[in-house]
């Protein structure tokens, strides 16, 4: 419950001004894609404000059809610049999939205490199970960030991207069958010569 409407408005404003909703890219692991996206954020009492989101998205780089695949959106620095300590926070984002499939899935994360003036750090994680083989592109879509403070209660910012820049590529192989050591491989068509037929009066195939 909001204890102070004035304090609520001040904290809401700091979500989208000053340091703003800024995710500063850190060193990314293998199979991670960096991105920079302009977002329009809706904050109660303030309306719509434009911010820029920088960060990186990581995946295994390769998976198979019907295999649950983990994806991580790393928040190395989320500078909300709250005027009071944050008791806890939570965030979620939709990861948009394009290419072989057109769908979306959700990643989420949460954290605890954040001192005054300090950024939020953490990871948003989730799983996606591909249904079609091929190459997919992943991009960060809608974003929701909620902060909770004993002093002023809960403040939530909801943001949508102004564009859909791909942040990561994921190769999806055909599904594995039980007992097989690899994906289905199509027959090779490039033989040097066709298989010769047998005839009853011959001892072997035609040379």
N, C-alpha and C. Protein backbone atom coordinates (compact mmCIF):
# COMPACT_ATOMS: atom_id res chain seq x y z
N UNK A 1 0.85 -1.19 0.00
CA UNK A 1 0.00 0.00 0.00
C UNK A 1 0.88 1.23 0.00
N UNK A 2 0.51 2.26 -0.78
CA UNK A 2 1.30 3.49 -0.86
C UNK A 2 1.03 4.34 0.37
N UNK A 3 2.11 4.68 1.10
CA UNK A 3 1.96 5.47 2.32
C UNK A 3 2.01 6.96 2.05
N UNK A 4 2.71 7.37 0.99
CA UNK A 4 2.86 8.79 0.70
C UNK A 4 2.73 9.01 -0.79
N UNK A 5 1.70 9.75 -1.22
CA UNK A 5 1.51 10.00 -2.64
C UNK A 5 2.64 10.84 -3.19
N UNK A 6 3.13 11.79 -2.42
CA UNK A 6 4.23 12.63 -2.88
C UNK A 6 5.49 11.79 -3.04
N UNK A 7 5.77 10.96 -2.03
CA UNK A 7 6.94 10.10 -2.12
C UNK A 7 6.83 9.13 -3.26
N UNK A 8 5.63 8.65 -3.51
CA UNK A 8 5.38 7.73 -4.63
C UNK A 8 5.73 8.40 -5.95
N UNK A 9 5.29 9.65 -6.13
CA UNK A 9 5.56 10.36 -7.38
C UNK A 9 7.05 10.60 -7.56
N UNK A 10 7.76 10.93 -6.46
CA UNK A 10 9.19 11.17 -6.55
C UNK A 10 9.91 9.90 -6.97
N UNK A 11 9.59 8.78 -6.34
CA UNK A 11 10.25 7.53 -6.68
C UNK A 11 9.89 7.08 -8.08
N UNK A 12 8.65 7.29 -8.48
CA UNK A 12 8.24 6.94 -9.85
C UNK A 12 9.04 7.75 -10.85
N UNK A 13 9.27 9.03 -10.54
CA UNK A 13 10.01 9.87 -11.46
C UNK A 13 11.44 9.38 -11.62
N UNK A 14 12.06 8.90 -10.53
CA UNK A 14 13.44 8.46 -10.63
C UNK A 14 13.59 7.21 -11.45
N UNK A 15 12.52 6.49 -11.72
CA UNK A 15 12.60 5.30 -12.58
C UNK A 15 12.90 5.67 -14.02
N UNK A 16 12.55 6.89 -14.41
CA UNK A 16 12.68 7.25 -15.82
C UNK A 16 13.42 8.56 -16.05
N UNK A 17 14.09 9.11 -15.02
CA UNK A 17 14.85 10.34 -15.19
C UNK A 17 16.20 10.17 -14.54
N UNK A 18 17.08 11.18 -14.71
CA UNK A 18 18.41 11.10 -14.12
C UNK A 18 19.16 9.95 -14.75
N UNK A 19 19.56 8.98 -13.89
CA UNK A 19 20.20 7.77 -14.40
C UNK A 19 19.25 7.01 -15.27
N UNK A 20 17.95 7.14 -14.98
CA UNK A 20 16.93 6.54 -15.84
C UNK A 20 16.91 5.04 -15.77
N UNK A 21 16.18 4.48 -16.72
CA UNK A 21 16.08 3.04 -16.83
C UNK A 21 17.23 2.59 -17.71
N UNK A 22 18.44 2.56 -17.14
CA UNK A 22 19.64 2.31 -17.94
C UNK A 22 20.28 1.00 -17.53
N UNK A 23 20.39 0.07 -18.45
CA UNK A 23 21.08 -1.18 -18.21
C UNK A 23 22.42 -1.09 -18.93
N UNK A 24 23.50 -1.05 -18.17
CA UNK A 24 24.82 -0.87 -18.76
C UNK A 24 25.41 -2.24 -19.06
N UNK A 25 25.84 -2.46 -20.28
CA UNK A 25 26.34 -3.77 -20.68
C UNK A 25 27.60 -4.14 -19.92
N UNK A 26 27.66 -5.38 -19.46
CA UNK A 26 28.85 -5.93 -18.84
C UNK A 26 29.48 -6.91 -19.82
N UNK A 27 30.62 -7.49 -19.42
CA UNK A 27 31.24 -8.48 -20.28
C UNK A 27 30.31 -9.66 -20.45
N UNK A 28 30.02 -10.04 -21.67
CA UNK A 28 29.04 -11.09 -21.95
C UNK A 28 29.74 -12.43 -22.16
N UNK A 29 29.09 -13.53 -21.77
CA UNK A 29 29.67 -14.85 -21.98
C UNK A 29 29.51 -15.28 -23.43
N UNK A 30 30.03 -16.47 -23.76
CA UNK A 30 29.85 -17.01 -25.11
C UNK A 30 28.37 -17.17 -25.41
N UNK A 31 28.03 -16.99 -26.69
CA UNK A 31 26.65 -17.09 -27.15
C UNK A 31 25.77 -16.04 -26.48
N UNK A 32 26.30 -14.84 -26.31
CA UNK A 32 25.51 -13.74 -25.76
C UNK A 32 25.47 -12.62 -26.78
N UNK A 33 24.32 -11.96 -26.88
CA UNK A 33 24.16 -10.86 -27.82
C UNK A 33 23.82 -9.57 -27.11
N UNK A 34 24.62 -8.50 -27.35
CA UNK A 34 24.33 -7.21 -26.77
C UNK A 34 23.26 -6.49 -27.58
N UNK A 35 22.59 -5.54 -26.94
CA UNK A 35 21.54 -4.79 -27.62
C UNK A 35 21.40 -3.41 -27.01
N UNK A 36 20.83 -2.50 -27.77
CA UNK A 36 20.48 -1.17 -27.29
C UNK A 36 19.13 -0.83 -27.90
N UNK A 37 18.13 -0.61 -27.06
CA UNK A 37 16.76 -0.42 -27.53
C UNK A 37 16.12 0.77 -26.83
N UNK A 38 15.41 1.59 -27.59
CA UNK A 38 14.65 2.70 -27.03
C UNK A 38 13.29 2.18 -26.55
N UNK A 39 12.93 2.50 -25.32
CA UNK A 39 11.67 2.05 -24.72
C UNK A 39 10.79 3.25 -24.36
N UNK A 40 9.49 3.04 -24.47
CA UNK A 40 8.51 3.99 -23.94
C UNK A 40 7.93 3.37 -22.68
N UNK A 41 8.09 4.06 -21.55
CA UNK A 41 7.69 3.52 -20.26
C UNK A 41 6.49 4.27 -19.71
N UNK A 42 5.56 3.52 -19.13
CA UNK A 42 4.37 4.09 -18.49
C UNK A 42 4.51 3.94 -16.99
N UNK A 43 4.57 5.07 -16.29
CA UNK A 43 4.70 5.08 -14.84
C UNK A 43 3.50 5.81 -14.26
N UNK A 44 2.78 5.23 -13.30
CA UNK A 44 1.64 5.92 -12.68
C UNK A 44 2.05 7.30 -12.17
N UNK A 45 1.17 8.28 -12.34
CA UNK A 45 1.37 9.67 -11.94
C UNK A 45 2.24 10.45 -12.92
N UNK A 46 2.95 9.76 -13.85
CA UNK A 46 3.85 10.45 -14.76
C UNK A 46 3.46 10.28 -16.23
N UNK A 47 2.81 9.20 -16.56
CA UNK A 47 2.46 8.94 -17.95
C UNK A 47 3.59 8.26 -18.70
N UNK A 48 3.78 8.63 -19.98
CA UNK A 48 4.75 7.96 -20.85
C UNK A 48 6.06 8.74 -20.91
N UNK A 49 7.17 8.02 -20.82
CA UNK A 49 8.50 8.61 -20.90
C UNK A 49 9.39 7.69 -21.72
N UNK A 50 10.29 8.27 -22.52
CA UNK A 50 11.20 7.48 -23.36
C UNK A 50 12.53 7.25 -22.65
N UNK A 51 12.99 6.00 -22.67
CA UNK A 51 14.28 5.65 -22.08
C UNK A 51 15.02 4.72 -23.03
N UNK A 52 16.31 4.50 -22.77
CA UNK A 52 17.13 3.59 -23.57
C UNK A 52 17.58 2.42 -22.70
N UNK A 53 17.43 1.23 -23.22
CA UNK A 53 17.83 0.01 -22.51
C UNK A 53 19.03 -0.61 -23.21
N UNK A 54 20.16 -0.73 -22.48
CA UNK A 54 21.35 -1.42 -22.98
C UNK A 54 21.60 -2.64 -22.11
N UNK A 55 21.96 -3.76 -22.73
CA UNK A 55 22.23 -4.96 -21.96
C UNK A 55 22.66 -6.09 -22.86
N UNK A 56 22.61 -7.31 -22.37
CA UNK A 56 22.91 -8.46 -23.23
C UNK A 56 22.04 -9.65 -22.86
N UNK A 57 21.83 -10.50 -23.87
CA UNK A 57 20.97 -11.67 -23.77
C UNK A 57 21.81 -12.89 -24.13
N UNK A 58 21.72 -13.96 -23.34
CA UNK A 58 22.54 -15.14 -23.60
C UNK A 58 21.69 -16.39 -23.71
N UNK A 59 22.15 -17.32 -24.57
CA UNK A 59 21.50 -18.62 -24.77
C UNK A 59 22.58 -19.65 -25.07
N UNK A 60 22.23 -20.94 -25.15
CA UNK A 60 23.24 -21.95 -25.49
C UNK A 60 23.80 -21.81 -26.90
N UNK A 61 23.11 -21.05 -27.77
CA UNK A 61 23.55 -20.91 -29.14
C UNK A 61 23.03 -21.99 -30.06
N UNK A 62 22.81 -23.19 -29.50
CA UNK A 62 22.29 -24.31 -30.29
C UNK A 62 21.45 -25.20 -29.39
N UNK A 63 20.34 -25.68 -29.91
CA UNK A 63 19.46 -26.57 -29.16
C UNK A 63 18.75 -27.48 -30.15
N UNK A 64 17.73 -28.22 -29.68
CA UNK A 64 16.99 -29.13 -30.55
C UNK A 64 15.50 -28.94 -30.35
N UNK A 65 14.73 -29.32 -31.35
CA UNK A 65 13.27 -29.26 -31.26
C UNK A 65 12.78 -30.06 -30.06
N UNK A 66 11.82 -29.51 -29.33
CA UNK A 66 11.18 -30.09 -28.12
C UNK A 66 12.11 -30.11 -26.90
N UNK A 67 13.28 -29.52 -26.99
CA UNK A 67 14.19 -29.48 -25.83
C UNK A 67 14.04 -28.15 -25.10
N UNK A 68 13.68 -28.13 -23.80
CA UNK A 68 13.63 -26.87 -23.04
C UNK A 68 15.00 -26.20 -23.04
N UNK A 69 15.03 -24.92 -23.37
CA UNK A 69 16.28 -24.19 -23.55
C UNK A 69 16.29 -22.96 -22.67
N UNK A 70 17.30 -22.84 -21.82
CA UNK A 70 17.40 -21.71 -20.90
C UNK A 70 17.96 -20.47 -21.57
N UNK A 71 17.39 -19.32 -21.21
CA UNK A 71 17.82 -18.01 -21.72
C UNK A 71 17.97 -17.06 -20.54
N UNK A 72 18.99 -16.22 -20.58
CA UNK A 72 19.24 -15.28 -19.48
C UNK A 72 19.38 -13.86 -20.01
N UNK A 73 18.67 -12.93 -19.39
CA UNK A 73 18.82 -11.50 -19.64
C UNK A 73 19.52 -10.91 -18.42
N UNK A 74 20.76 -10.46 -18.61
CA UNK A 74 21.56 -9.96 -17.48
C UNK A 74 21.36 -8.47 -17.28
N UNK A 75 21.05 -8.08 -16.06
CA UNK A 75 20.95 -6.67 -15.66
C UNK A 75 22.21 -6.35 -14.86
N UNK A 76 23.21 -5.79 -15.52
CA UNK A 76 24.44 -5.47 -14.81
C UNK A 76 24.31 -4.18 -14.01
N UNK A 77 23.44 -3.28 -14.48
CA UNK A 77 23.23 -2.02 -13.75
C UNK A 77 21.88 -1.43 -14.14
N UNK A 78 20.96 -1.45 -13.21
CA UNK A 78 19.64 -0.83 -13.40
C UNK A 78 19.55 0.34 -12.44
N UNK A 79 19.86 1.54 -12.93
CA UNK A 79 20.00 2.72 -12.08
C UNK A 79 18.66 3.40 -11.87
N UNK A 80 17.92 2.99 -10.84
CA UNK A 80 16.63 3.62 -10.55
C UNK A 80 16.78 4.88 -9.70
N UNK A 81 17.94 5.03 -9.02
CA UNK A 81 18.21 6.23 -8.22
C UNK A 81 17.07 6.54 -7.24
N UNK A 82 16.58 5.55 -6.55
CA UNK A 82 15.49 5.76 -5.59
C UNK A 82 15.96 6.62 -4.41
N UNK A 83 15.12 7.55 -3.93
CA UNK A 83 15.50 8.42 -2.82
C UNK A 83 15.46 7.72 -1.47
N UNK A 84 14.93 6.50 -1.43
CA UNK A 84 14.87 5.71 -0.20
C UNK A 84 15.39 4.32 -0.51
N UNK A 85 15.82 3.57 0.51
CA UNK A 85 16.28 2.20 0.25
C UNK A 85 15.16 1.35 -0.34
N UNK A 86 15.52 0.46 -1.24
CA UNK A 86 14.58 -0.49 -1.83
C UNK A 86 14.65 -1.78 -1.02
N UNK A 87 13.51 -2.20 -0.50
CA UNK A 87 13.50 -3.42 0.29
C UNK A 87 13.62 -4.66 -0.57
N UNK A 88 12.99 -4.64 -1.74
CA UNK A 88 13.06 -5.76 -2.69
C UNK A 88 12.62 -5.27 -4.06
N UNK A 89 12.94 -6.04 -5.07
CA UNK A 89 12.54 -5.69 -6.43
C UNK A 89 12.26 -6.95 -7.22
N UNK A 90 11.49 -6.79 -8.28
CA UNK A 90 11.23 -7.89 -9.21
C UNK A 90 11.11 -7.30 -10.61
N UNK A 91 11.42 -8.11 -11.60
CA UNK A 91 11.34 -7.65 -12.99
C UNK A 91 11.03 -8.83 -13.90
N UNK A 92 10.39 -8.53 -15.00
CA UNK A 92 10.11 -9.55 -16.01
C UNK A 92 10.19 -8.91 -17.39
N UNK A 93 10.48 -9.73 -18.38
CA UNK A 93 10.56 -9.25 -19.77
C UNK A 93 10.08 -10.36 -20.69
N UNK A 94 9.51 -9.95 -21.82
CA UNK A 94 9.12 -10.90 -22.86
C UNK A 94 10.22 -10.95 -23.90
N UNK A 95 10.68 -12.16 -24.22
CA UNK A 95 11.67 -12.36 -25.27
C UNK A 95 10.93 -12.75 -26.54
N UNK A 96 11.04 -11.93 -27.56
CA UNK A 96 10.36 -12.18 -28.83
C UNK A 96 11.22 -13.07 -29.72
N UNK A 97 10.58 -14.05 -30.34
CA UNK A 97 11.26 -15.01 -31.22
C UNK A 97 10.82 -14.77 -32.66
N UNK A 98 11.78 -14.67 -33.56
CA UNK A 98 11.49 -14.55 -34.98
C UNK A 98 12.36 -15.51 -35.77
N UNK A 99 12.05 -15.69 -37.05
CA UNK A 99 12.81 -16.61 -37.88
C UNK A 99 12.01 -17.86 -38.17
N UNK A 100 12.53 -19.02 -37.74
CA UNK A 100 11.82 -20.29 -37.97
C UNK A 100 10.48 -20.31 -37.25
N UNK A 101 10.41 -19.65 -36.09
CA UNK A 101 9.16 -19.54 -35.33
C UNK A 101 8.87 -18.08 -35.04
N UNK A 102 7.60 -17.77 -34.81
CA UNK A 102 7.19 -16.44 -34.38
C UNK A 102 6.36 -16.59 -33.11
N UNK A 103 7.00 -16.34 -31.97
CA UNK A 103 6.35 -16.51 -30.69
C UNK A 103 7.06 -15.63 -29.66
N UNK A 104 6.77 -15.82 -28.40
CA UNK A 104 7.42 -15.07 -27.32
C UNK A 104 7.38 -15.91 -26.05
N UNK A 105 8.34 -15.67 -25.18
CA UNK A 105 8.35 -16.33 -23.88
C UNK A 105 8.86 -15.36 -22.83
N UNK A 106 8.64 -15.68 -21.57
CA UNK A 106 8.89 -14.75 -20.47
C UNK A 106 10.13 -15.15 -19.66
N UNK A 107 10.92 -14.15 -19.28
CA UNK A 107 12.00 -14.33 -18.32
C UNK A 107 11.71 -13.44 -17.12
N UNK A 108 12.15 -13.86 -15.95
CA UNK A 108 11.83 -13.10 -14.74
C UNK A 108 12.94 -13.28 -13.71
N UNK A 109 13.01 -12.34 -12.78
CA UNK A 109 13.98 -12.41 -11.71
C UNK A 109 13.60 -11.46 -10.59
N UNK A 110 14.30 -11.56 -9.47
CA UNK A 110 14.00 -10.72 -8.31
C UNK A 110 15.25 -10.59 -7.46
N UNK A 111 15.23 -9.60 -6.58
CA UNK A 111 16.36 -9.38 -5.69
C UNK A 111 15.90 -8.75 -4.39
N UNK A 112 16.86 -8.54 -3.50
CA UNK A 112 16.55 -8.01 -2.18
C UNK A 112 16.93 -6.55 -2.02
N UNK A 113 17.50 -6.26 -0.88
CA UNK A 113 17.78 -4.89 -0.46
C UNK A 113 18.75 -4.18 -1.41
N UNK A 114 18.43 -2.90 -1.71
CA UNK A 114 19.29 -2.04 -2.51
C UNK A 114 19.44 -0.71 -1.78
N UNK A 115 20.66 -0.30 -1.39
CA UNK A 115 20.85 0.96 -0.67
C UNK A 115 20.47 2.16 -1.52
N UNK A 116 20.28 3.29 -0.86
CA UNK A 116 19.95 4.54 -1.55
C UNK A 116 21.04 4.87 -2.58
N UNK A 117 20.63 5.20 -3.78
CA UNK A 117 21.57 5.61 -4.82
C UNK A 117 22.30 4.48 -5.51
N UNK A 118 22.09 3.24 -5.09
CA UNK A 118 22.77 2.11 -5.71
C UNK A 118 21.90 1.48 -6.79
N UNK A 119 22.53 0.92 -7.84
CA UNK A 119 21.74 0.31 -8.91
C UNK A 119 21.26 -1.09 -8.54
N UNK A 120 20.22 -1.52 -9.22
CA UNK A 120 19.75 -2.90 -9.12
C UNK A 120 20.61 -3.77 -10.02
N UNK A 121 21.06 -4.90 -9.50
CA UNK A 121 21.83 -5.86 -10.28
C UNK A 121 21.21 -7.24 -10.16
N UNK A 122 21.18 -7.97 -11.27
CA UNK A 122 20.62 -9.31 -11.21
C UNK A 122 20.40 -9.88 -12.59
N UNK A 123 19.70 -11.01 -12.63
CA UNK A 123 19.44 -11.71 -13.88
C UNK A 123 17.97 -12.08 -13.99
N UNK A 124 17.47 -12.03 -15.21
CA UNK A 124 16.13 -12.52 -15.52
C UNK A 124 16.32 -13.79 -16.35
N UNK A 125 15.71 -14.88 -15.93
CA UNK A 125 15.90 -16.16 -16.61
C UNK A 125 14.57 -16.81 -16.95
N UNK A 126 14.61 -17.68 -17.94
CA UNK A 126 13.41 -18.42 -18.34
C UNK A 126 13.76 -19.50 -19.33
N UNK A 127 12.80 -20.36 -19.64
CA UNK A 127 12.99 -21.45 -20.59
C UNK A 127 12.06 -21.30 -21.77
N UNK A 128 12.53 -21.78 -22.91
CA UNK A 128 11.69 -21.84 -24.12
C UNK A 128 11.92 -23.18 -24.80
N UNK A 129 10.84 -23.81 -25.27
CA UNK A 129 10.93 -25.10 -25.95
C UNK A 129 10.58 -24.91 -27.42
N UNK A 130 11.57 -24.95 -28.33
CA UNK A 130 11.28 -24.77 -29.76
C UNK A 130 10.41 -25.90 -30.30
N UNK A 131 9.56 -25.58 -31.25
CA UNK A 131 8.70 -26.57 -31.89
C UNK A 131 9.08 -26.83 -33.33
N UNK A 132 9.93 -25.96 -33.90
CA UNK A 132 10.30 -26.05 -35.32
C UNK A 132 11.81 -25.89 -35.45
N UNK A 133 12.43 -26.71 -36.30
CA UNK A 133 13.85 -26.57 -36.55
C UNK A 133 14.15 -25.38 -37.43
N UNK A 134 15.39 -24.87 -37.32
CA UNK A 134 15.79 -23.72 -38.13
C UNK A 134 16.58 -22.73 -37.29
N UNK A 135 16.71 -21.51 -37.77
CA UNK A 135 17.43 -20.45 -37.07
C UNK A 135 16.45 -19.41 -36.56
N UNK A 136 16.54 -19.12 -35.26
CA UNK A 136 15.67 -18.14 -34.63
C UNK A 136 16.48 -16.94 -34.15
N UNK A 137 15.87 -15.77 -34.17
CA UNK A 137 16.45 -14.58 -33.59
C UNK A 137 15.66 -14.21 -32.34
N UNK A 138 16.38 -13.80 -31.30
CA UNK A 138 15.76 -13.43 -30.03
C UNK A 138 15.97 -11.94 -29.77
N UNK A 139 14.93 -11.25 -29.34
CA UNK A 139 15.03 -9.83 -28.99
C UNK A 139 14.20 -9.57 -27.74
N UNK A 140 14.60 -8.54 -27.00
CA UNK A 140 13.92 -8.21 -25.75
C UNK A 140 12.71 -7.35 -26.06
N UNK A 141 11.53 -7.77 -25.58
CA UNK A 141 10.30 -7.04 -25.82
C UNK A 141 9.85 -6.25 -24.60
N UNK A 142 8.59 -6.41 -24.22
CA UNK A 142 8.02 -5.65 -23.10
C UNK A 142 8.78 -5.92 -21.80
N UNK A 143 8.87 -4.90 -20.97
CA UNK A 143 9.62 -4.96 -19.72
C UNK A 143 8.77 -4.40 -18.59
N UNK A 144 8.82 -5.06 -17.44
CA UNK A 144 8.10 -4.60 -16.25
C UNK A 144 9.04 -4.65 -15.06
N UNK A 145 9.14 -3.54 -14.33
CA UNK A 145 10.02 -3.44 -13.16
C UNK A 145 9.22 -2.93 -11.98
N UNK A 146 9.29 -3.64 -10.86
CA UNK A 146 8.57 -3.26 -9.65
C UNK A 146 9.54 -3.15 -8.49
N UNK A 147 9.49 -2.02 -7.77
CA UNK A 147 10.30 -1.84 -6.57
C UNK A 147 9.38 -1.71 -5.35
N UNK A 148 9.84 -2.26 -4.24
CA UNK A 148 9.07 -2.21 -2.99
C UNK A 148 9.92 -1.58 -1.89
N UNK A 149 9.34 -0.62 -1.19
CA UNK A 149 10.04 0.07 -0.11
C UNK A 149 9.12 0.22 1.09
N UNK A 150 9.62 -0.04 2.31
CA UNK A 150 8.79 0.16 3.50
C UNK A 150 8.32 1.60 3.64
N UNK A 151 9.07 2.55 3.09
CA UNK A 151 8.75 3.96 3.26
C UNK A 151 7.62 4.43 2.34
N UNK A 152 7.59 3.96 1.10
CA UNK A 152 6.62 4.50 0.13
C UNK A 152 5.81 3.42 -0.59
N UNK A 153 6.07 2.17 -0.30
CA UNK A 153 5.26 1.11 -0.90
C UNK A 153 5.81 0.63 -2.23
N UNK A 154 4.91 0.35 -3.16
CA UNK A 154 5.26 -0.30 -4.43
C UNK A 154 5.16 0.67 -5.61
N UNK A 155 6.17 0.65 -6.47
CA UNK A 155 6.18 1.46 -7.69
C UNK A 155 6.49 0.54 -8.86
N UNK A 156 5.68 0.62 -9.91
CA UNK A 156 5.86 -0.26 -11.07
C UNK A 156 5.98 0.56 -12.35
N UNK A 157 6.98 0.24 -13.17
CA UNK A 157 7.15 0.84 -14.49
C UNK A 157 6.93 -0.23 -15.55
N UNK A 158 6.09 0.06 -16.54
CA UNK A 158 5.83 -0.86 -17.66
C UNK A 158 6.34 -0.22 -18.95
N UNK A 159 7.18 -0.94 -19.67
CA UNK A 159 7.86 -0.37 -20.83
C UNK A 159 7.68 -1.25 -22.07
N UNK A 160 7.59 -0.61 -23.23
CA UNK A 160 7.50 -1.32 -24.51
C UNK A 160 8.58 -0.78 -25.44
N UNK A 161 9.22 -1.65 -26.24
CA UNK A 161 10.29 -1.20 -27.13
C UNK A 161 9.74 -0.47 -28.35
N UNK A 162 10.49 0.53 -28.82
CA UNK A 162 10.10 1.25 -30.03
C UNK A 162 10.55 0.52 -31.30
N UNK A 163 11.48 -0.43 -31.16
CA UNK A 163 11.91 -1.26 -32.28
C UNK A 163 12.22 -2.65 -31.76
N UNK A 164 12.54 -3.57 -32.66
CA UNK A 164 12.79 -4.96 -32.29
C UNK A 164 14.13 -5.42 -32.86
N UNK A 165 15.22 -4.89 -32.35
CA UNK A 165 16.55 -5.28 -32.80
C UNK A 165 16.91 -6.64 -32.23
N UNK A 166 17.36 -7.55 -33.09
CA UNK A 166 17.74 -8.89 -32.64
C UNK A 166 18.95 -8.81 -31.72
N UNK A 167 18.90 -9.53 -30.59
CA UNK A 167 19.99 -9.51 -29.63
C UNK A 167 20.75 -10.83 -29.58
N UNK A 168 20.18 -11.90 -30.12
CA UNK A 168 20.79 -13.22 -30.03
C UNK A 168 20.24 -14.12 -31.13
N UNK A 169 21.06 -15.07 -31.58
CA UNK A 169 20.65 -16.05 -32.59
C UNK A 169 20.74 -17.45 -32.00
N UNK A 170 19.72 -18.25 -32.24
CA UNK A 170 19.66 -19.61 -31.70
C UNK A 170 19.39 -20.59 -32.84
N UNK A 171 20.29 -21.57 -33.02
CA UNK A 171 20.11 -22.61 -34.04
C UNK A 171 19.35 -23.78 -33.42
N UNK A 172 18.27 -24.20 -34.06
CA UNK A 172 17.44 -25.30 -33.55
C UNK A 172 17.56 -26.49 -34.50
N UNK A 173 18.12 -27.59 -34.01
CA UNK A 173 18.31 -28.80 -34.81
C UNK A 173 17.08 -29.69 -34.74
N UNK A 174 16.96 -30.66 -35.66
CA UNK A 174 15.85 -31.62 -35.56
C UNK A 174 15.89 -32.35 -34.23
N UNK A 175 14.76 -32.86 -33.81
CA UNK A 175 14.67 -33.49 -32.49
C UNK A 175 15.46 -34.79 -32.44
N UNK A 176 15.93 -35.14 -31.23
CA UNK A 176 16.63 -36.38 -30.99
C UNK A 176 15.64 -37.49 -30.68
N UNK A 177 15.96 -38.71 -31.12
CA UNK A 177 15.13 -39.86 -30.81
C UNK A 177 15.79 -40.66 -29.70
N UNK A 178 15.02 -41.31 -28.81
CA UNK A 178 15.61 -42.12 -27.73
C UNK A 178 16.59 -43.15 -28.28
N UNK A 179 17.78 -43.19 -27.70
CA UNK A 179 18.79 -44.16 -28.12
C UNK A 179 19.67 -43.68 -29.26
N UNK A 180 19.35 -42.52 -29.84
CA UNK A 180 20.18 -41.99 -30.91
C UNK A 180 21.23 -41.05 -30.32
N UNK A 181 22.37 -41.00 -30.96
CA UNK A 181 23.44 -40.14 -30.47
C UNK A 181 23.47 -38.79 -31.15
N UNK A 182 22.57 -38.57 -32.12
CA UNK A 182 22.57 -37.29 -32.82
C UNK A 182 21.25 -37.04 -33.51
N UNK A 183 21.09 -35.89 -34.11
CA UNK A 183 19.83 -35.57 -34.78
C UNK A 183 19.65 -36.37 -36.06
N UNK A 184 18.45 -36.35 -36.60
CA UNK A 184 18.18 -37.04 -37.85
C UNK A 184 19.03 -36.44 -38.97
N UNK A 185 19.70 -37.31 -39.74
CA UNK A 185 20.54 -36.86 -40.85
C UNK A 185 19.92 -37.35 -42.15
N UNK A 186 19.62 -36.48 -43.10
CA UNK A 186 19.01 -36.92 -44.36
C UNK A 186 19.97 -37.77 -45.18
N UNK A 187 19.47 -38.69 -46.03
CA UNK A 187 20.34 -39.52 -46.87
C UNK A 187 21.19 -38.65 -47.79
N UNK A 188 22.40 -39.13 -48.02
CA UNK A 188 23.32 -38.40 -48.90
C UNK A 188 23.00 -38.73 -50.35
N UNK A 189 22.83 -37.70 -51.18
CA UNK A 189 22.40 -37.92 -52.56
C UNK A 189 23.53 -37.85 -53.57
N UNK A 190 24.73 -37.56 -53.13
CA UNK A 190 25.82 -37.32 -54.09
C UNK A 190 26.70 -38.52 -54.35
N UNK A 191 26.13 -39.71 -54.57
CA UNK A 191 26.94 -40.89 -54.88
C UNK A 191 27.64 -40.72 -56.23
N UNK A 192 28.80 -41.40 -56.39
CA UNK A 192 29.55 -41.31 -57.64
C UNK A 192 28.86 -42.07 -58.77
N UNK A 193 28.09 -43.13 -58.44
CA UNK A 193 27.39 -43.89 -59.46
C UNK A 193 26.18 -44.56 -58.83
N UNK A 194 25.17 -44.88 -59.58
CA UNK A 194 24.00 -45.53 -59.01
C UNK A 194 24.27 -46.99 -58.66
N UNK A 195 23.43 -47.55 -57.80
CA UNK A 195 23.55 -48.96 -57.45
C UNK A 195 23.06 -49.79 -58.62
N UNK A 196 23.89 -50.77 -59.09
CA UNK A 196 23.52 -51.58 -60.25
C UNK A 196 22.59 -52.71 -59.85
N UNK A 197 21.65 -53.08 -60.69
CA UNK A 197 20.71 -54.15 -60.35
C UNK A 197 21.33 -55.54 -60.49
N UNK A 198 20.72 -56.54 -59.84
CA UNK A 198 21.10 -57.94 -60.01
C UNK A 198 20.20 -58.59 -61.05
N UNK A 199 20.78 -59.56 -61.76
CA UNK A 199 19.98 -60.37 -62.67
C UNK A 199 20.18 -61.84 -62.30
N UNK A 200 19.13 -62.67 -62.40
CA UNK A 200 19.22 -64.06 -61.94
C UNK A 200 20.37 -64.84 -62.54
N UNK A 201 20.74 -64.60 -63.80
CA UNK A 201 21.79 -65.39 -64.46
C UNK A 201 23.19 -64.88 -64.17
N UNK A 202 23.31 -63.78 -63.41
CA UNK A 202 24.61 -63.20 -63.13
C UNK A 202 25.06 -63.58 -61.72
N UNK A 203 26.39 -63.59 -61.53
CA UNK A 203 26.95 -63.91 -60.23
C UNK A 203 27.07 -62.68 -59.32
N UNK A 204 26.92 -61.54 -59.85
CA UNK A 204 27.07 -60.32 -59.05
C UNK A 204 26.46 -59.14 -59.76
N UNK A 205 26.53 -57.98 -59.19
CA UNK A 205 25.95 -56.79 -59.81
C UNK A 205 26.76 -56.33 -61.00
N UNK A 206 26.15 -55.53 -61.82
CA UNK A 206 26.88 -54.95 -62.94
C UNK A 206 28.00 -54.06 -62.44
N UNK A 207 29.17 -54.12 -63.09
CA UNK A 207 30.30 -53.31 -62.69
C UNK A 207 30.08 -51.87 -63.14
